[in-house]
N, C-alpha and C. Protein backbone atom coordinates (compact mmCIF):
# COMPACT_ATOMS: atom_id res chain seq x y z
N LEU A 1 0.82 -1.20 0.00
CA LEU A 1 0.00 0.00 0.00
C LEU A 1 0.87 1.27 0.00
N LEU A 2 2.00 1.24 0.75
CA LEU A 2 2.86 2.42 0.81
C LEU A 2 3.48 2.75 -0.55
N ASN A 3 3.56 1.75 -1.43
CA ASN A 3 4.13 1.99 -2.75
C ASN A 3 3.15 2.67 -3.69
N ASP A 4 1.92 2.79 -3.27
CA ASP A 4 0.89 3.43 -4.11
C ASP A 4 1.15 4.94 -4.14
N PRO A 5 1.37 5.52 -5.33
CA PRO A 5 1.62 6.97 -5.42
C PRO A 5 0.51 7.80 -4.79
N ALA A 6 -0.72 7.33 -4.85
CA ALA A 6 -1.84 8.09 -4.27
C ALA A 6 -1.70 8.18 -2.76
N VAL A 7 -1.24 7.10 -2.13
CA VAL A 7 -1.05 7.11 -0.68
C VAL A 7 0.05 8.10 -0.31
N ARG A 8 1.15 8.08 -1.04
CA ARG A 8 2.25 9.00 -0.75
C ARG A 8 1.79 10.44 -0.93
N PHE A 9 1.01 10.69 -1.98
CA PHE A 9 0.53 12.05 -2.22
C PHE A 9 -0.36 12.52 -1.08
N LEU A 10 -1.27 11.67 -0.64
CA LEU A 10 -2.20 12.07 0.42
C LEU A 10 -1.47 12.31 1.74
N TYR A 11 -0.49 11.47 2.04
CA TYR A 11 0.27 11.67 3.29
C TYR A 11 1.08 12.95 3.21
N ARG A 12 1.71 13.17 2.07
CA ARG A 12 2.49 14.40 1.87
C ARG A 12 1.59 15.62 1.99
N ARG A 13 0.42 15.55 1.39
CA ARG A 13 -0.53 16.67 1.45
C ARG A 13 -0.98 16.92 2.90
N PHE A 14 -1.21 15.84 3.64
CA PHE A 14 -1.62 15.99 5.03
C PHE A 14 -0.56 16.73 5.85
N VAL A 15 0.69 16.32 5.72
CA VAL A 15 1.76 16.94 6.49
C VAL A 15 1.95 18.40 6.08
N GLU A 16 1.90 18.68 4.78
CA GLU A 16 2.08 20.05 4.30
C GLU A 16 0.96 20.96 4.80
N GLU A 17 -0.28 20.45 4.83
CA GLU A 17 -1.39 21.27 5.33
C GLU A 17 -1.29 21.44 6.85
N TRP A 18 -0.91 20.39 7.54
CA TRP A 18 -0.73 20.47 8.99
C TRP A 18 0.29 21.54 9.36
N LEU A 19 1.41 21.57 8.64
CA LEU A 19 2.47 22.54 8.93
C LEU A 19 2.22 23.90 8.29
N GLY A 20 1.22 24.00 7.44
CA GLY A 20 0.92 25.27 6.78
C GLY A 20 1.84 25.59 5.63
N LEU A 21 2.55 24.59 5.10
CA LEU A 21 3.54 24.85 4.06
C LEU A 21 2.93 25.20 2.71
N TYR A 22 1.64 24.91 2.53
CA TYR A 22 0.98 25.29 1.28
C TYR A 22 1.03 26.80 1.06
N GLN A 23 1.19 27.57 2.15
CA GLN A 23 1.25 29.03 2.04
C GLN A 23 2.51 29.52 1.34
N LEU A 24 3.54 28.69 1.35
CA LEU A 24 4.82 29.12 0.80
C LEU A 24 4.72 29.48 -0.68
N ARG A 25 3.87 28.79 -1.41
CA ARG A 25 3.76 29.02 -2.85
C ARG A 25 3.28 30.43 -3.21
N SER A 26 2.64 31.09 -2.27
CA SER A 26 2.12 32.43 -2.56
C SER A 26 2.97 33.53 -1.92
N LEU A 27 4.09 33.18 -1.31
CA LEU A 27 4.92 34.16 -0.63
C LEU A 27 6.03 34.68 -1.52
N ALA A 28 6.50 35.86 -1.19
CA ALA A 28 7.66 36.46 -1.87
C ALA A 28 8.68 36.87 -0.82
N LYS A 29 9.92 36.99 -1.24
CA LYS A 29 10.99 37.44 -0.35
C LYS A 29 11.79 38.54 -1.04
N SER A 30 12.34 39.41 -0.23
CA SER A 30 13.15 40.49 -0.77
C SER A 30 14.38 39.94 -1.48
N SER A 31 14.74 40.59 -2.58
CA SER A 31 15.96 40.18 -3.29
C SER A 31 17.21 40.47 -2.46
N ASN A 32 17.07 41.28 -1.43
CA ASN A 32 18.20 41.53 -0.53
C ASN A 32 18.47 40.33 0.37
N VAL A 33 17.46 39.45 0.51
CA VAL A 33 17.62 38.26 1.34
C VAL A 33 18.07 37.08 0.49
N VAL A 34 17.43 36.89 -0.66
CA VAL A 34 17.78 35.79 -1.55
C VAL A 34 17.42 36.17 -2.98
N ALA A 35 18.29 35.81 -3.90
CA ALA A 35 18.01 36.07 -5.32
C ALA A 35 17.13 34.95 -5.88
N ASN A 36 16.23 35.32 -6.78
CA ASN A 36 15.38 34.35 -7.47
C ASN A 36 14.65 33.43 -6.49
N PHE A 37 13.85 34.03 -5.64
CA PHE A 37 13.17 33.25 -4.61
C PHE A 37 12.20 32.23 -5.20
N SER A 38 11.61 32.52 -6.35
CA SER A 38 10.66 31.57 -6.92
C SER A 38 11.31 30.22 -7.18
N THR A 39 12.58 30.23 -7.62
CA THR A 39 13.29 28.98 -7.84
C THR A 39 13.62 28.31 -6.52
N ALA A 40 14.09 29.09 -5.56
CA ALA A 40 14.41 28.55 -4.24
C ALA A 40 13.17 27.98 -3.56
N ARG A 41 12.05 28.66 -3.72
CA ARG A 41 10.80 28.24 -3.10
C ARG A 41 10.39 26.85 -3.56
N GLU A 42 10.47 26.60 -4.86
CA GLU A 42 10.11 25.28 -5.38
C GLU A 42 11.07 24.21 -4.88
N ALA A 43 12.36 24.56 -4.76
CA ALA A 43 13.33 23.61 -4.23
C ALA A 43 13.06 23.30 -2.76
N MET A 44 12.65 24.30 -2.00
CA MET A 44 12.30 24.09 -0.59
C MET A 44 11.16 23.09 -0.45
N LEU A 45 10.15 23.25 -1.28
CA LEU A 45 9.01 22.34 -1.22
C LEU A 45 9.40 20.93 -1.67
N ARG A 46 10.27 20.84 -2.67
CA ARG A 46 10.72 19.52 -3.11
C ARG A 46 11.51 18.81 -2.02
N GLU A 47 12.33 19.56 -1.30
CA GLU A 47 13.09 18.96 -0.20
C GLU A 47 12.15 18.37 0.85
N THR A 48 11.18 19.15 1.26
CA THR A 48 10.26 18.69 2.29
C THR A 48 9.44 17.50 1.81
N GLU A 49 8.97 17.55 0.58
CA GLU A 49 8.19 16.44 0.04
C GLU A 49 9.03 15.17 -0.04
N ALA A 50 10.31 15.30 -0.39
CA ALA A 50 11.18 14.13 -0.48
C ALA A 50 11.39 13.50 0.89
N VAL A 51 11.54 14.33 1.93
CA VAL A 51 11.75 13.80 3.28
C VAL A 51 10.47 13.17 3.81
N ILE A 52 9.32 13.76 3.51
CA ILE A 52 8.05 13.17 3.94
C ILE A 52 7.86 11.81 3.27
N ASP A 53 8.12 11.74 1.97
CA ASP A 53 8.01 10.47 1.26
C ASP A 53 8.96 9.44 1.85
N ASP A 54 10.19 9.86 2.13
CA ASP A 54 11.20 8.95 2.67
C ASP A 54 10.77 8.42 4.03
N ALA A 55 10.22 9.29 4.88
CA ALA A 55 9.76 8.86 6.20
C ALA A 55 8.60 7.88 6.09
N LEU A 56 7.71 8.13 5.14
CA LEU A 56 6.57 7.23 4.96
C LEU A 56 7.04 5.85 4.50
N MET A 57 8.00 5.82 3.58
CA MET A 57 8.44 4.56 3.00
C MET A 57 9.33 3.77 3.95
N THR A 58 10.12 4.44 4.78
CA THR A 58 11.10 3.74 5.62
C THR A 58 10.62 3.51 7.05
N SER A 59 9.66 4.33 7.52
CA SER A 59 9.24 4.16 8.91
C SER A 59 7.73 4.29 9.09
N GLY A 60 7.00 4.21 7.99
CA GLY A 60 5.55 4.33 8.09
C GLY A 60 5.07 5.71 8.48
N GLY A 61 5.91 6.72 8.22
CA GLY A 61 5.54 8.09 8.53
C GLY A 61 5.80 8.47 9.97
N SER A 62 6.84 7.91 10.55
CA SER A 62 7.18 8.16 11.96
C SER A 62 7.34 9.65 12.24
N LEU A 63 6.65 10.15 13.26
CA LEU A 63 6.79 11.55 13.65
C LEU A 63 8.19 11.84 14.14
N ALA A 64 8.81 10.87 14.81
CA ALA A 64 10.18 11.05 15.30
C ALA A 64 11.12 11.27 14.12
N GLN A 65 10.91 10.54 13.04
CA GLN A 65 11.77 10.71 11.87
C GLN A 65 11.49 12.04 11.19
N LEU A 66 10.23 12.45 11.14
CA LEU A 66 9.89 13.71 10.49
C LEU A 66 10.44 14.92 11.25
N PHE A 67 10.37 14.88 12.57
CA PHE A 67 10.68 16.08 13.34
C PHE A 67 11.98 16.00 14.13
N ALA A 68 12.62 14.84 14.13
CA ALA A 68 13.91 14.72 14.82
C ALA A 68 14.96 14.05 13.96
N GLY A 69 14.63 13.75 12.72
CA GLY A 69 15.61 13.13 11.83
C GLY A 69 16.76 14.08 11.55
N SER A 70 17.98 13.54 11.58
CA SER A 70 19.17 14.38 11.43
C SER A 70 19.65 14.47 9.99
N TYR A 71 18.77 14.20 9.05
CA TYR A 71 19.16 14.20 7.64
C TYR A 71 18.11 14.95 6.82
N SER A 72 18.48 15.23 5.58
CA SER A 72 17.51 15.74 4.63
C SER A 72 17.87 15.22 3.25
N ILE A 73 17.02 15.51 2.30
CA ILE A 73 17.28 15.18 0.90
C ILE A 73 17.25 16.51 0.16
N VAL A 74 18.40 17.11 0.00
CA VAL A 74 18.52 18.52 -0.37
C VAL A 74 18.68 18.69 -1.88
N PRO A 75 17.78 19.39 -2.54
CA PRO A 75 17.95 19.70 -3.97
C PRO A 75 19.20 20.56 -4.17
N SER A 76 19.82 20.43 -5.30
CA SER A 76 21.07 21.17 -5.57
C SER A 76 20.86 22.67 -5.48
N GLU A 77 19.64 23.15 -5.78
CA GLU A 77 19.37 24.59 -5.73
C GLU A 77 19.47 25.16 -4.32
N LEU A 78 19.37 24.30 -3.30
CA LEU A 78 19.43 24.77 -1.92
C LEU A 78 20.80 24.57 -1.28
N ALA A 79 21.71 23.94 -2.00
CA ALA A 79 23.01 23.60 -1.40
C ALA A 79 23.74 24.84 -0.90
N ALA A 80 23.79 25.88 -1.70
CA ALA A 80 24.50 27.09 -1.29
C ALA A 80 23.82 27.73 -0.09
N LEU A 81 22.49 27.74 -0.06
CA LEU A 81 21.78 28.34 1.07
C LEU A 81 22.07 27.58 2.36
N TYR A 82 22.22 26.24 2.25
CA TYR A 82 22.51 25.42 3.41
C TYR A 82 24.01 25.38 3.73
N GLY A 83 24.82 25.86 2.81
CA GLY A 83 26.26 25.87 3.05
C GLY A 83 26.90 24.50 2.88
N ILE A 84 26.39 23.72 1.92
CA ILE A 84 26.94 22.39 1.66
C ILE A 84 27.25 22.27 0.18
N ALA A 85 28.06 21.25 -0.16
CA ALA A 85 28.32 20.96 -1.57
C ALA A 85 27.07 20.34 -2.17
N PRO A 86 26.79 20.61 -3.46
CA PRO A 86 25.60 20.02 -4.08
C PRO A 86 25.63 18.50 -3.98
N PRO A 87 24.62 17.91 -3.34
CA PRO A 87 24.61 16.44 -3.19
C PRO A 87 24.08 15.76 -4.43
N ALA A 88 24.28 14.45 -4.47
CA ALA A 88 23.70 13.66 -5.55
C ALA A 88 22.19 13.66 -5.41
N ALA A 89 21.51 13.52 -6.53
CA ALA A 89 20.04 13.55 -6.52
C ALA A 89 19.48 12.45 -5.63
N ASP A 90 18.48 12.80 -4.84
CA ASP A 90 17.75 11.85 -3.98
C ASP A 90 18.63 11.20 -2.92
N GLN A 91 19.74 11.82 -2.59
CA GLN A 91 20.65 11.26 -1.59
C GLN A 91 20.41 11.88 -0.21
N ARG A 92 20.37 11.04 0.81
CA ARG A 92 20.27 11.55 2.17
C ARG A 92 21.56 12.29 2.53
N VAL A 93 21.41 13.45 3.16
CA VAL A 93 22.55 14.25 3.59
C VAL A 93 22.37 14.58 5.07
N SER A 94 23.38 14.31 5.88
CA SER A 94 23.29 14.65 7.29
C SER A 94 23.48 16.16 7.47
N LEU A 95 22.54 16.79 8.18
CA LEU A 95 22.63 18.22 8.44
C LEU A 95 22.78 18.51 9.93
N GLU A 96 22.96 17.45 10.71
CA GLU A 96 23.01 17.61 12.17
C GLU A 96 24.16 18.52 12.59
N ALA A 97 25.31 18.37 11.92
CA ALA A 97 26.47 19.21 12.27
C ALA A 97 26.22 20.67 11.97
N LEU A 98 25.23 20.95 11.09
CA LEU A 98 24.89 22.33 10.74
C LEU A 98 23.80 22.88 11.64
N GLY A 99 23.37 22.09 12.63
CA GLY A 99 22.33 22.55 13.54
C GLY A 99 20.93 22.45 12.97
N ARG A 100 20.72 21.51 12.04
CA ARG A 100 19.40 21.33 11.43
C ARG A 100 18.90 19.92 11.71
N VAL A 101 17.75 19.84 12.32
CA VAL A 101 17.13 18.55 12.62
C VAL A 101 15.64 18.64 12.32
N GLY A 102 15.15 17.76 11.48
CA GLY A 102 13.72 17.67 11.25
C GLY A 102 13.12 18.75 10.36
N LEU A 103 11.82 18.61 10.12
CA LEU A 103 11.11 19.48 9.18
C LEU A 103 11.07 20.94 9.64
N LEU A 104 11.05 21.18 10.95
CA LEU A 104 10.92 22.55 11.42
C LEU A 104 12.19 23.37 11.23
N GLN A 105 13.28 22.71 10.85
CA GLN A 105 14.51 23.45 10.57
C GLN A 105 14.85 23.40 9.08
N GLN A 106 13.88 22.98 8.28
CA GLN A 106 14.04 23.08 6.84
C GLN A 106 13.60 24.48 6.38
N SER A 107 14.14 24.91 5.28
CA SER A 107 13.83 26.24 4.78
C SER A 107 12.36 26.43 4.47
N SER A 108 11.67 25.37 4.08
CA SER A 108 10.25 25.51 3.73
C SER A 108 9.45 26.04 4.92
N PHE A 109 9.63 25.46 6.09
CA PHE A 109 8.91 25.91 7.29
C PHE A 109 9.40 27.29 7.72
N LEU A 110 10.71 27.47 7.75
CA LEU A 110 11.28 28.73 8.24
C LEU A 110 10.93 29.91 7.34
N ALA A 111 10.89 29.67 6.03
CA ALA A 111 10.55 30.74 5.09
C ALA A 111 9.06 31.04 5.10
N THR A 112 8.24 30.01 5.30
CA THR A 112 6.80 30.22 5.36
C THR A 112 6.43 31.12 6.53
N PHE A 113 7.06 30.88 7.67
CA PHE A 113 6.74 31.65 8.87
C PHE A 113 7.84 32.68 9.13
N ALA A 114 7.92 33.61 8.20
CA ALA A 114 8.87 34.72 8.28
C ALA A 114 8.33 35.85 7.42
N HIS A 115 8.87 37.03 7.61
CA HIS A 115 8.46 38.18 6.81
C HIS A 115 9.25 38.21 5.51
N GLU A 116 8.95 39.18 4.69
CA GLU A 116 9.58 39.28 3.38
C GLU A 116 11.09 39.45 3.47
N ASP A 117 11.55 40.17 4.50
CA ASP A 117 12.98 40.47 4.57
C ASP A 117 13.60 40.20 5.93
N GLU A 118 12.86 39.56 6.83
CA GLU A 118 13.42 39.26 8.15
C GLU A 118 12.70 38.10 8.80
N SER A 119 13.32 37.54 9.81
CA SER A 119 12.70 36.45 10.55
C SER A 119 11.47 36.97 11.30
N ALA A 120 10.67 36.03 11.81
CA ALA A 120 9.43 36.43 12.49
C ALA A 120 9.19 35.51 13.69
N PRO A 121 9.76 35.85 14.85
CA PRO A 121 9.57 34.99 16.02
C PRO A 121 8.12 34.81 16.39
N VAL A 122 7.29 35.82 16.17
CA VAL A 122 5.87 35.69 16.52
C VAL A 122 5.19 34.66 15.61
N LEU A 123 5.45 34.75 14.30
CA LEU A 123 4.83 33.81 13.37
C LEU A 123 5.31 32.38 13.63
N ARG A 124 6.60 32.22 13.89
CA ARG A 124 7.14 30.88 14.14
C ARG A 124 6.62 30.33 15.46
N GLY A 125 6.59 31.18 16.48
CA GLY A 125 6.05 30.73 17.76
C GLY A 125 4.59 30.36 17.66
N LYS A 126 3.82 31.16 16.94
CA LYS A 126 2.39 30.89 16.76
C LYS A 126 2.18 29.58 16.00
N ALA A 127 3.00 29.32 15.00
CA ALA A 127 2.87 28.08 14.23
C ALA A 127 3.07 26.87 15.13
N VAL A 128 4.07 26.92 16.00
CA VAL A 128 4.32 25.79 16.91
C VAL A 128 3.19 25.66 17.92
N MET A 129 2.76 26.78 18.49
CA MET A 129 1.73 26.71 19.53
C MET A 129 0.40 26.20 18.98
N GLU A 130 0.00 26.69 17.82
CA GLU A 130 -1.31 26.31 17.30
C GLU A 130 -1.29 24.98 16.57
N ARG A 131 -0.21 24.70 15.82
CA ARG A 131 -0.19 23.50 14.99
C ARG A 131 0.32 22.27 15.74
N PHE A 132 1.13 22.48 16.80
CA PHE A 132 1.68 21.35 17.54
C PHE A 132 1.11 21.24 18.96
N LEU A 133 0.92 22.37 19.61
CA LEU A 133 0.45 22.35 20.99
C LEU A 133 -1.06 22.56 21.09
N CYS A 134 -1.70 22.79 19.92
CA CYS A 134 -3.17 22.91 19.86
C CYS A 134 -3.70 24.01 20.77
N ARG A 135 -2.97 25.11 20.86
CA ARG A 135 -3.42 26.24 21.66
C ARG A 135 -3.87 27.36 20.73
N LYS A 136 -5.15 27.64 20.73
CA LYS A 136 -5.71 28.68 19.88
C LYS A 136 -5.51 30.03 20.57
N LEU A 137 -4.87 30.94 19.89
CA LEU A 137 -4.57 32.25 20.46
C LEU A 137 -5.50 33.31 19.87
N PRO A 138 -5.94 34.27 20.67
CA PRO A 138 -6.79 35.34 20.15
C PRO A 138 -6.00 36.27 19.25
N LYS A 139 -6.68 36.87 18.28
CA LYS A 139 -6.05 37.88 17.44
C LYS A 139 -5.92 39.18 18.23
N PRO A 140 -4.88 39.97 17.96
CA PRO A 140 -4.76 41.26 18.66
C PRO A 140 -6.02 42.11 18.57
N SER A 141 -6.67 42.09 17.40
CA SER A 141 -7.88 42.90 17.22
C SER A 141 -8.99 42.46 18.16
N GLU A 142 -9.03 41.17 18.48
CA GLU A 142 -10.05 40.67 19.40
C GLU A 142 -9.83 41.15 20.83
N LEU A 143 -8.59 41.56 21.10
CA LEU A 143 -8.24 42.09 22.43
C LEU A 143 -8.18 43.60 22.44
N GLY A 144 -8.55 44.23 21.31
CA GLY A 144 -8.51 45.68 21.23
C GLY A 144 -7.11 46.24 21.13
N ILE A 145 -6.20 45.45 20.56
CA ILE A 145 -4.80 45.87 20.45
C ILE A 145 -4.48 46.16 18.99
N ASP A 146 -3.93 47.33 18.71
CA ASP A 146 -3.49 47.66 17.35
C ASP A 146 -2.14 47.01 17.11
N LEU A 147 -2.05 46.24 16.02
CA LEU A 147 -0.82 45.52 15.71
C LEU A 147 0.17 46.46 15.03
N VAL A 148 1.30 46.68 15.67
CA VAL A 148 2.36 47.52 15.11
C VAL A 148 3.68 46.79 15.29
N LEU A 149 4.34 46.46 14.18
CA LEU A 149 5.63 45.77 14.26
C LEU A 149 6.71 46.70 14.79
N PRO A 150 7.66 46.17 15.54
CA PRO A 150 8.77 47.01 16.01
C PRO A 150 9.48 47.67 14.83
N ALA A 151 9.86 48.90 14.98
CA ALA A 151 10.52 49.64 13.90
C ALA A 151 11.85 49.01 13.54
N PRO A 152 12.23 49.03 12.25
CA PRO A 152 13.55 48.52 11.85
C PRO A 152 14.65 49.26 12.60
N ASP A 153 15.67 48.52 12.98
CA ASP A 153 16.81 49.11 13.68
C ASP A 153 18.05 48.29 13.34
N PRO A 154 18.90 48.80 12.46
CA PRO A 154 20.08 48.03 12.04
C PRO A 154 21.09 47.79 13.15
N THR A 155 20.91 48.43 14.30
CA THR A 155 21.85 48.24 15.41
C THR A 155 21.33 47.25 16.44
N ALA A 156 20.12 46.73 16.24
CA ALA A 156 19.51 45.84 17.23
C ALA A 156 19.14 44.50 16.60
N THR A 157 19.19 43.45 17.39
CA THR A 157 18.73 42.15 16.94
C THR A 157 17.20 42.11 16.97
N THR A 158 16.63 41.15 16.27
CA THR A 158 15.18 40.99 16.30
C THR A 158 14.70 40.77 17.73
N ARG A 159 15.43 40.01 18.47
CA ARG A 159 15.06 39.74 19.87
C ARG A 159 15.00 41.04 20.67
N GLN A 160 15.96 41.91 20.48
CA GLN A 160 15.98 43.18 21.21
C GLN A 160 14.82 44.06 20.79
N ARG A 161 14.49 44.05 19.50
CA ARG A 161 13.38 44.88 19.02
C ARG A 161 12.05 44.40 19.58
N PHE A 162 11.91 43.10 19.78
CA PHE A 162 10.66 42.56 20.28
C PHE A 162 10.58 42.54 21.80
N ALA A 163 11.59 43.06 22.46
CA ALA A 163 11.60 43.06 23.93
C ALA A 163 10.44 43.86 24.51
N ARG A 164 9.90 44.78 23.72
CA ARG A 164 8.80 45.61 24.22
C ARG A 164 7.55 44.78 24.52
N HIS A 165 7.42 43.61 23.89
CA HIS A 165 6.27 42.77 24.18
C HIS A 165 6.24 42.37 25.65
N ALA A 166 7.41 42.04 26.19
CA ALA A 166 7.49 41.61 27.58
C ALA A 166 7.23 42.77 28.53
N ALA A 167 7.46 44.00 28.04
CA ALA A 167 7.30 45.18 28.90
C ALA A 167 5.86 45.67 28.96
N SER A 168 5.01 45.13 28.09
CA SER A 168 3.61 45.54 28.05
C SER A 168 2.73 44.46 28.67
N ALA A 169 1.98 44.82 29.69
CA ALA A 169 1.11 43.85 30.35
C ALA A 169 0.06 43.30 29.39
N ARG A 170 -0.40 44.12 28.45
CA ARG A 170 -1.43 43.69 27.51
C ARG A 170 -0.87 42.69 26.50
N CYS A 171 0.40 42.84 26.17
CA CYS A 171 1.02 41.97 25.17
C CYS A 171 1.65 40.73 25.77
N ALA A 172 2.18 40.86 26.98
CA ALA A 172 2.98 39.79 27.57
C ALA A 172 2.20 38.50 27.76
N GLY A 173 0.89 38.60 27.98
CA GLY A 173 0.10 37.41 28.23
C GLY A 173 0.26 36.36 27.15
N CYS A 174 0.25 36.79 25.89
CA CYS A 174 0.44 35.88 24.76
C CYS A 174 1.91 35.79 24.36
N HIS A 175 2.58 36.94 24.34
CA HIS A 175 3.92 36.97 23.77
C HIS A 175 4.99 36.34 24.64
N ASP A 176 4.74 36.19 25.94
CA ASP A 176 5.70 35.46 26.75
C ASP A 176 5.92 34.06 26.20
N ALA A 177 4.83 33.42 25.77
CA ALA A 177 4.93 32.09 25.20
C ALA A 177 5.29 32.13 23.71
N LEU A 178 4.60 33.00 22.95
CA LEU A 178 4.84 33.10 21.51
C LEU A 178 6.30 33.42 21.20
N ASP A 179 6.79 34.50 21.77
CA ASP A 179 8.15 34.93 21.48
C ASP A 179 9.16 33.94 22.04
N GLY A 180 8.83 33.37 23.22
CA GLY A 180 9.75 32.42 23.82
C GLY A 180 10.03 31.24 22.93
N ILE A 181 9.01 30.75 22.24
CA ILE A 181 9.21 29.67 21.27
C ILE A 181 9.86 30.21 20.00
N GLY A 182 9.36 31.33 19.51
CA GLY A 182 9.87 31.88 18.26
C GLY A 182 11.34 32.23 18.30
N PHE A 183 11.82 32.69 19.44
CA PHE A 183 13.24 33.07 19.54
C PHE A 183 14.17 31.88 19.36
N THR A 184 13.67 30.67 19.59
CA THR A 184 14.53 29.50 19.43
C THR A 184 14.88 29.24 17.97
N PHE A 185 14.16 29.92 17.05
CA PHE A 185 14.45 29.79 15.62
C PHE A 185 15.25 30.98 15.08
N GLU A 186 15.74 31.86 15.95
CA GLU A 186 16.39 33.07 15.48
C GLU A 186 17.74 32.84 14.82
N ASN A 187 18.27 31.62 14.93
CA ASN A 187 19.51 31.33 14.20
C ASN A 187 19.26 31.00 12.74
N PHE A 188 18.01 31.26 12.28
CA PHE A 188 17.67 31.11 10.87
C PHE A 188 17.00 32.40 10.38
N ASP A 189 17.40 32.89 9.23
CA ASP A 189 16.87 34.16 8.72
C ASP A 189 15.55 33.94 7.98
N ALA A 190 15.16 34.91 7.16
CA ALA A 190 13.84 34.90 6.53
C ALA A 190 13.63 33.78 5.52
N VAL A 191 14.70 33.17 5.03
CA VAL A 191 14.57 32.04 4.12
C VAL A 191 15.15 30.76 4.71
N GLY A 192 15.47 30.79 6.01
CA GLY A 192 15.99 29.59 6.65
C GLY A 192 17.47 29.41 6.52
N ARG A 193 18.18 30.46 6.14
CA ARG A 193 19.64 30.41 6.09
C ARG A 193 20.20 30.50 7.51
N SER A 194 21.17 29.66 7.85
CA SER A 194 21.76 29.70 9.18
C SER A 194 22.50 31.00 9.41
N ARG A 195 22.48 31.48 10.65
CA ARG A 195 23.24 32.66 11.02
C ARG A 195 23.60 32.54 12.50
N THR A 196 24.71 33.11 12.84
CA THR A 196 25.14 33.13 14.24
C THR A 196 25.17 34.54 14.80
N GLN A 197 25.08 35.53 13.92
CA GLN A 197 25.10 36.93 14.35
C GLN A 197 24.05 37.74 13.62
N GLN A 198 23.62 38.80 14.26
CA GLN A 198 22.72 39.77 13.65
C GLN A 198 23.06 41.13 14.23
N ALA A 199 23.13 42.13 13.39
CA ALA A 199 23.49 43.49 13.82
C ALA A 199 24.80 43.49 14.59
N GLY A 200 25.72 42.61 14.17
CA GLY A 200 27.03 42.57 14.81
C GLY A 200 27.03 41.94 16.20
N GLN A 201 25.94 41.26 16.56
CA GLN A 201 25.83 40.66 17.88
C GLN A 201 25.50 39.17 17.76
N ALA A 202 25.91 38.41 18.74
CA ALA A 202 25.64 36.97 18.74
C ALA A 202 24.14 36.72 18.87
N ILE A 203 23.64 35.75 18.12
CA ILE A 203 22.23 35.38 18.19
C ILE A 203 21.97 34.61 19.49
N ASP A 204 20.90 34.98 20.17
CA ASP A 204 20.46 34.29 21.38
C ASP A 204 19.22 33.49 21.05
N THR A 205 19.33 32.15 21.07
CA THR A 205 18.19 31.31 20.68
C THR A 205 17.49 30.67 21.87
N THR A 206 17.82 31.07 23.07
CA THR A 206 17.09 30.51 24.22
C THR A 206 15.70 31.11 24.26
N GLY A 207 14.75 30.35 24.83
CA GLY A 207 13.39 30.84 24.92
C GLY A 207 12.78 30.44 26.24
N ALA A 208 12.00 31.34 26.81
CA ALA A 208 11.32 31.05 28.07
C ALA A 208 9.83 31.37 27.92
N GLY A 209 9.02 30.34 28.04
CA GLY A 209 7.58 30.53 28.01
C GLY A 209 6.97 29.63 29.07
N SER A 210 5.73 29.23 28.87
CA SER A 210 5.15 28.31 29.85
C SER A 210 5.91 26.99 29.79
N GLY A 211 6.53 26.62 30.85
CA GLY A 211 7.34 25.41 30.86
C GLY A 211 8.80 25.71 31.08
N GLY A 212 9.18 27.00 31.13
CA GLY A 212 10.56 27.34 31.47
C GLY A 212 11.46 27.53 30.28
N THR A 213 12.72 27.78 30.55
CA THR A 213 13.70 28.05 29.50
C THR A 213 13.95 26.81 28.66
N ARG A 214 14.01 27.01 27.35
CA ARG A 214 14.24 25.90 26.46
C ARG A 214 14.85 26.40 25.17
N ASN A 215 15.35 25.48 24.37
CA ASN A 215 15.87 25.80 23.05
C ASN A 215 15.50 24.65 22.16
N ILE A 216 14.37 24.77 21.45
CA ILE A 216 13.84 23.63 20.71
C ILE A 216 14.35 23.59 19.27
N SER A 217 15.08 24.58 18.81
CA SER A 217 15.52 24.55 17.41
C SER A 217 17.00 24.33 17.27
N GLY A 218 17.68 23.92 18.32
CA GLY A 218 19.10 23.63 18.20
C GLY A 218 19.89 24.68 18.79
């Protein structure tokens, strides 16, 4: 049954809808972040689909393999973004040494939940909370809060810019958890490229929300 292409398609579609990756096809990114994003976008989706298929065929779709597997099947178009030599087609490549484990550290997920030209700890945190922890969060408008993104500041990290959430009693209720999870992905930029510094400062990927300090993205 697993060899049936229809079964593989349906399982792949289920995982992509669960993770919200179908949204990636309609997104754009600044050319300052990545050149020719339309080509990169299709390669990101192919990578994720290949890993989903591989997990289904080798482990019956094991969640542990999908979200904790230390390998990927990287299209040649993504090799430079990942900082690796172009691999052979359909070949498993270990990315553990690069700090990448599972689907949530693939560019498809990271690029989907990011802004056009920068990372988005709120979007990434919300994706984990709602899609994995099944916690439905109210929209700011439902709480009478006007949504205003922190102003760009080339001298500050994203984490520093979003610190105002913790300083506001109205915002902290949700953002203590949202940002705490989202910050654990800050070592990846708007297209999922690894980074260790931002604005000349070391990236801090620790997060503290309900459940204490953690670092779930490596």
